[in-house]
Amino acid sequence: MTMRKGLALVAIASAATAQVLAFTDMQGDLRTGAVMWFLFTCPGMAIVLTLNLSDRILAVVLSIGISLALAVSLATVMVLVGTWLPLLELTVLVVVTVIFSAWVLRREGPGKPG
């Protein structure tokens, strides 16, 4: 398995974990940590994986920057429209993450050597 495939699977697993913990309304540090990890890294990581960057530091910085930009932009639009729903924002970011991660997994393919 390539590093890109592994990170795409981590992004999908993190998205699923954050979504389940948020929708079950679980309180505590586990939910906070899982959701913050997801919001700060996963949407951007899924997008950056499609870019085939060789510089890992650049990829990490871009992942965090894109994730934060997406979250803040989506929250701003929701506030301006008058529909501030944090669970909806999380769901939209989960969908974006899963779509881009699935694209990476499909592009890498099962037959490609790791």
Protein backbone atom coordinates (compact mmCIF):
# COMPACT_ATOMS: atom_id res chain seq x y z
CA MET A 1 0.00 0.00 0.00
CA THR A 2 1.34 3.40 -0.92
CA MET A 3 1.60 6.29 1.50
CA ARG A 4 -1.02 8.16 -0.51
CA LYS A 5 -3.51 5.27 -0.18
CA GLY A 6 -2.84 4.99 3.53
CA LEU A 7 -3.42 8.68 4.12
CA ALA A 8 -6.62 8.59 2.06
CA LEU A 9 -7.86 5.72 4.24
CA VAL A 10 -6.90 7.66 7.40
CA ALA A 11 -8.88 10.66 6.11
CA ILE A 12 -11.95 8.50 5.45
CA ALA A 13 -11.69 6.79 8.85
CA SER A 14 -11.25 10.15 10.59
CA ALA A 15 -14.26 11.55 8.74
CA ALA A 16 -16.42 8.62 9.76
CA THR A 17 -15.26 8.82 13.38
CA ALA A 18 -15.88 12.56 13.64
CA GLN A 19 -19.31 12.24 12.04
CA VAL A 20 -20.42 9.38 14.32
CA LEU A 21 -19.16 11.07 17.47
CA ALA A 22 -20.82 14.36 16.55
CA PHE A 23 -24.17 12.85 15.61
CA THR A 24 -24.35 10.64 18.70
CA ASP A 25 -23.85 13.82 20.73
CA MET A 26 -21.11 12.19 22.78
CA GLN A 27 -19.54 14.64 25.20
CA GLY A 28 -15.91 14.67 26.27
CA ASP A 29 -12.33 14.81 25.15
CA LEU A 30 -12.59 11.97 22.64
CA ARG A 31 -15.21 13.81 20.58
CA THR A 32 -13.35 17.10 20.81
CA GLY A 33 -10.06 15.56 19.79
CA ALA A 34 -11.50 13.53 16.92
CA VAL A 35 -13.51 16.43 15.49
CA MET A 36 -10.63 18.92 15.82
CA TRP A 37 -8.20 16.47 14.20
CA PHE A 38 -10.65 16.03 11.36
CA LEU A 39 -11.42 19.73 10.89
CA PHE A 40 -7.78 20.85 11.04
CA THR A 41 -6.27 18.20 8.76
CA CYS A 42 -8.50 15.83 6.82
CA PRO A 43 -10.35 17.94 4.21
CA GLY A 44 -7.11 19.60 3.17
CA MET A 45 -5.17 16.34 3.30
CA ALA A 46 -7.66 14.69 0.95
CA ILE A 47 -7.32 17.57 -1.52
CA VAL A 48 -3.52 17.75 -1.24
CA LEU A 49 -3.23 14.01 -1.91
CA THR A 50 -4.62 14.64 -5.39
CA LEU A 51 -1.75 17.04 -6.18
CA ASN A 52 1.10 14.47 -6.06
CA LEU A 53 3.42 16.79 -4.13
CA SER A 54 6.89 15.44 -3.38
CA ASP A 55 7.69 17.96 -0.62
CA ARG A 56 6.12 16.57 2.58
CA ILE A 57 6.47 19.76 4.60
CA LEU A 58 4.66 21.70 1.89
CA ALA A 59 1.95 19.02 1.82
CA VAL A 60 1.41 19.23 5.60
CA VAL A 61 1.27 23.04 5.59
CA LEU A 62 -1.12 23.07 2.63
CA SER A 63 -3.31 20.40 4.26
CA ILE A 64 -3.77 22.45 7.41
CA GLY A 65 -4.22 25.72 5.50
CA ILE A 66 -6.79 24.28 3.09
CA SER A 67 -8.69 22.57 5.91
CA LEU A 68 -8.93 25.76 7.92
CA ALA A 69 -9.82 27.83 4.87
CA LEU A 70 -12.63 25.43 3.93
CA ALA A 71 -14.03 25.32 7.46
CA VAL A 72 -13.93 29.10 7.93
CA SER A 73 -15.31 29.82 4.46
CA LEU A 74 -18.18 27.38 4.89
CA ALA A 75 -18.98 28.75 8.35
CA THR A 76 -18.94 32.32 6.99
CA VAL A 77 -21.34 31.44 4.19
CA MET A 78 -23.64 29.66 6.63
CA VAL A 79 -23.73 32.67 8.95
CA LEU A 80 -24.34 35.09 6.08
CA VAL A 81 -27.19 32.94 4.77
CA GLY A 82 -28.63 32.67 8.26
CA THR A 83 -28.34 28.90 8.68
CA TRP A 84 -25.62 28.30 11.25
CA LEU A 85 -25.70 24.52 11.73
CA PRO A 86 -22.38 23.08 12.92
CA LEU A 87 -23.43 19.49 12.15
CA LEU A 88 -24.26 20.50 8.59
CA GLU A 89 -20.84 22.09 8.23
CA LEU A 90 -19.19 18.95 9.55
CA THR A 91 -21.25 16.83 7.16
CA VAL A 92 -20.28 18.95 4.15
CA LEU A 93 -16.59 18.70 5.08
CA VAL A 94 -16.95 14.93 5.56
CA VAL A 95 -18.47 14.61 2.09
CA VAL A 96 -15.66 16.67 0.55
CA THR A 97 -13.07 14.55 2.35
CA VAL A 98 -14.62 11.25 1.30
CA ILE A 99 -15.01 12.34 -2.34
CA PHE A 100 -11.38 13.46 -2.69
CA SER A 101 -10.05 10.45 -0.74
CA ALA A 102 -12.07 8.06 -2.89
CA TRP A 103 -10.68 9.78 -5.97
CA VAL A 104 -7.15 9.18 -4.69
CA LEU A 105 -7.90 5.54 -3.90
CA ARG A 106 -9.49 4.98 -7.31
CA ARG A 107 -6.62 6.70 -9.13
CA GLU A 108 -4.00 4.70 -7.25
CA GLY A 109 -5.93 1.51 -8.05
CA PRO A 110 -5.67 -1.90 -6.41
CA GLY A 111 -3.13 -3.15 -8.95
CA LYS A 112 -0.54 -0.44 -8.41
CA PRO A 113 2.46 -1.61 -6.43
CA GLY A 114 3.01 -0.14 -2.96
